[in-house]
Amino acid sequence: MSEVIIRVMKPEDYVMLYKLWSSVKGLGLRSIDDSEENVIKFIKRNPTTSFVAETDRELIGSLMCGHDGRRACFYHVCVAERFRKQRIATKMTNKALEALKSEGINKVNLMAFKENETGNKFWQDLGWNLRDDVNLYEYNLNENNKTTFVK
């Protein structure tokens, strides 16, 4: 295997990103939000804070990160199963945190499904705090924007 490179996510990464996401068990994909048009819009809006891991011209990891000027949020943080346990997600996380600090962002949130034991352990091992003092509310503006989970 060649060296793993962590780099900024680009709009032209979409096809390989979706292929990666579709291979990660338990990842929730939204029919509209994760479309090519909307992912590219997200990347263009957040040109310095989302990252991919790449080796041999294959995307093996992703971390989408956006912010509103105050707080940031991570989405679709994943690594292809055969490349796990190599600190790839940690490296992508650190790159995103560095980028956010340089933009003056002081806080990052993320959501992990309760059933995602691997993901929850990962974030807790990195020192992220599991909050139990807030409720997460959601309001769906488009009933066609369905979530499907990769099996």
Protein backbone atom coordinates (compact mmCIF):
# COMPACT_ATOMS: atom_id res chain seq x y z
CA MET A 1 0.00 0.00 0.00
CA SER A 2 1.17 3.51 -0.81
CA GLU A 3 1.31 6.35 1.67
CA VAL A 4 -2.03 7.65 2.96
CA ILE A 5 -2.46 11.34 2.16
CA ILE A 6 -4.87 13.57 4.08
CA ARG A 7 -5.98 16.49 1.92
CA VAL A 8 -8.78 19.03 1.57
CA MET A 9 -11.96 17.63 0.03
CA LYS A 10 -12.69 18.87 -3.50
CA PRO A 11 -15.93 18.94 -5.51
CA GLU A 12 -14.47 16.49 -8.03
CA ASP A 13 -14.15 13.91 -5.21
CA TYR A 14 -17.91 13.33 -5.13
CA VAL A 15 -18.13 10.08 -7.12
CA MET A 16 -15.41 8.44 -5.02
CA LEU A 17 -16.89 9.89 -1.80
CA TYR A 18 -20.29 8.39 -2.52
CA LYS A 19 -18.67 5.06 -3.37
CA LEU A 20 -16.85 5.15 -0.01
CA TRP A 21 -19.96 6.17 1.94
CA SER A 22 -21.97 3.40 0.27
CA SER A 23 -19.46 0.85 1.55
CA VAL A 24 -19.48 1.89 5.22
CA LYS A 25 -21.94 -0.20 7.22
CA GLY A 26 -24.33 1.84 9.31
CA LEU A 27 -23.66 5.16 7.56
CA GLY A 28 -26.89 7.07 6.92
CA LEU A 29 -27.20 8.58 3.45
CA ARG A 30 -29.81 11.26 2.73
CA SER A 31 -31.46 11.13 -0.68
CA ILE A 32 -31.17 14.89 -1.27
CA ASP A 33 -28.51 16.11 1.19
CA ASP A 34 -25.97 13.57 -0.06
CA SER A 35 -26.69 14.15 -3.75
CA GLU A 36 -23.83 15.36 -5.92
CA GLU A 37 -25.34 18.83 -6.21
CA ASN A 38 -25.71 19.29 -2.45
CA VAL A 39 -22.38 17.77 -1.44
CA ILE A 40 -20.59 20.02 -3.94
CA LYS A 41 -22.52 23.02 -2.56
CA PHE A 42 -21.38 22.03 0.96
CA ILE A 43 -17.73 21.68 -0.13
CA LYS A 44 -17.80 25.07 -1.89
CA ARG A 45 -19.33 26.69 1.18
CA ASN A 46 -16.66 25.07 3.40
CA PRO A 47 -13.59 24.98 1.15
CA THR A 48 -10.93 24.53 3.86
CA THR A 49 -12.52 22.41 6.59
CA SER A 50 -13.52 19.09 4.98
CA PHE A 51 -10.92 16.38 4.38
CA VAL A 52 -10.37 13.05 2.65
CA ALA A 53 -7.83 10.30 3.08
CA GLU A 54 -6.43 8.95 -0.17
CA THR A 55 -4.08 6.18 -1.19
CA ASP A 56 -3.33 4.81 -4.64
CA ARG A 57 -5.90 7.24 -6.11
CA GLU A 58 -8.65 5.73 -3.94
CA LEU A 59 -10.54 7.69 -1.31
CA ILE A 60 -10.47 5.64 1.88
CA GLY A 61 -11.69 8.20 4.39
CA SER A 62 -13.84 11.30 4.67
CA LEU A 63 -14.68 14.03 7.13
CA MET A 64 -17.12 16.71 6.09
CA CYS A 65 -17.01 19.80 8.28
CA GLY A 66 -18.92 23.03 8.06
CA HIS A 67 -19.43 26.00 10.35
CA ASP A 68 -21.71 28.98 10.76
CA GLY A 69 -19.06 31.37 12.08
CA ARG A 70 -19.57 30.25 15.68
CA ARG A 71 -19.76 26.48 15.82
CA ALA A 72 -18.80 23.70 13.50
CA CYS A 73 -20.28 20.30 12.84
CA PHE A 74 -18.73 17.08 11.52
CA TYR A 75 -20.57 14.82 9.08
CA HIS A 76 -19.78 11.50 7.38
CA VAL A 77 -16.58 10.82 9.30
CA CYS A 78 -15.57 7.38 8.10
CA VAL A 79 -12.71 5.16 6.99
CA ALA A 80 -13.01 2.15 4.70
CA GLU A 81 -13.05 -0.95 6.89
CA ARG A 82 -9.84 -2.46 5.53
CA PHE A 83 -7.92 0.73 6.42
CA ARG A 84 -9.12 1.15 9.99
CA LYS A 85 -6.84 1.09 13.04
CA GLN A 86 -4.21 3.22 11.26
CA ARG A 87 -5.17 6.57 12.90
CA ILE A 88 -6.57 7.87 9.60
CA ALA A 89 -9.76 9.24 11.18
CA THR A 90 -7.67 10.83 13.94
CA LYS A 91 -5.46 12.54 11.36
CA MET A 92 -8.47 13.84 9.43
CA THR A 93 -10.03 15.07 12.68
CA ASN A 94 -6.85 16.90 13.66
CA LYS A 95 -6.61 18.55 10.22
CA ALA A 96 -10.23 19.72 10.48
CA LEU A 97 -9.70 21.04 14.02
CA GLU A 98 -6.60 22.95 12.88
CA ALA A 99 -8.54 24.45 9.96
CA LEU A 100 -11.39 25.47 12.27
CA LYS A 101 -9.01 27.08 14.78
CA SER A 102 -7.44 29.10 11.97
CA GLU A 103 -10.94 30.37 11.09
CA GLY A 104 -11.65 31.37 14.71
CA ILE A 105 -14.10 28.56 15.47
CA ASN A 106 -14.06 27.45 19.11
CA LYS A 107 -16.52 24.56 19.30
CA VAL A 108 -17.37 21.49 17.22
CA ASN A 109 -20.43 19.25 17.47
CA LEU A 110 -21.15 15.92 15.86
CA MET A 111 -23.84 13.29 15.95
CA ALA A 112 -23.17 9.58 16.24
CA PHE A 113 -25.98 7.06 16.14
CA LYS A 114 -26.35 5.32 19.50
CA GLU A 115 -26.00 1.92 17.81
CA ASN A 116 -22.65 2.97 16.31
CA GLU A 117 -20.47 1.44 19.00
CA THR A 118 -17.27 1.80 16.98
CA GLY A 119 -17.87 5.48 16.26
CA ASN A 120 -18.93 6.33 19.78
CA LYS A 121 -15.87 4.61 21.23
CA PHE A 122 -13.64 6.44 18.73
CA TRP A 123 -14.93 9.89 19.74
CA GLN A 124 -14.79 9.14 23.45
CA ASP A 125 -11.23 7.79 23.09
CA LEU A 126 -10.26 11.09 21.41
CA GLY A 127 -11.57 12.99 24.42
CA TRP A 128 -14.85 14.24 22.99
CA ASN A 129 -17.63 14.71 25.54
CA LEU A 130 -20.91 12.84 25.30
CA ARG A 131 -23.58 15.34 26.28
CA ASP A 132 -26.72 14.37 28.13
CA ASP A 133 -27.86 17.91 28.97
CA VAL A 134 -29.39 18.76 25.59
CA ASN A 135 -32.06 17.33 23.36
CA LEU A 136 -31.54 17.09 19.64
CA TYR A 137 -34.55 18.22 17.62
CA GLU A 138 -35.05 17.83 13.92
CA TYR A 139 -37.60 19.29 11.53
CA ASN A 140 -37.67 17.88 8.03
CA LEU A 141 -38.45 20.55 5.41
CA ASN A 142 -38.56 18.06 2.55
CA GLU A 143 -40.31 14.72 2.95
CA ASN A 144 -38.44 13.42 -0.11
CA ASN A 145 -35.11 13.71 1.74
CA LYS A 146 -35.05 10.14 3.07
CA THR A 147 -32.27 8.48 5.04
CA THR A 148 -31.12 5.01 4.10
CA PHE A 149 -28.55 3.09 6.08
CA VAL A 150 -25.73 1.15 4.42
CA LYS A 151 -25.94 -2.52 5.29
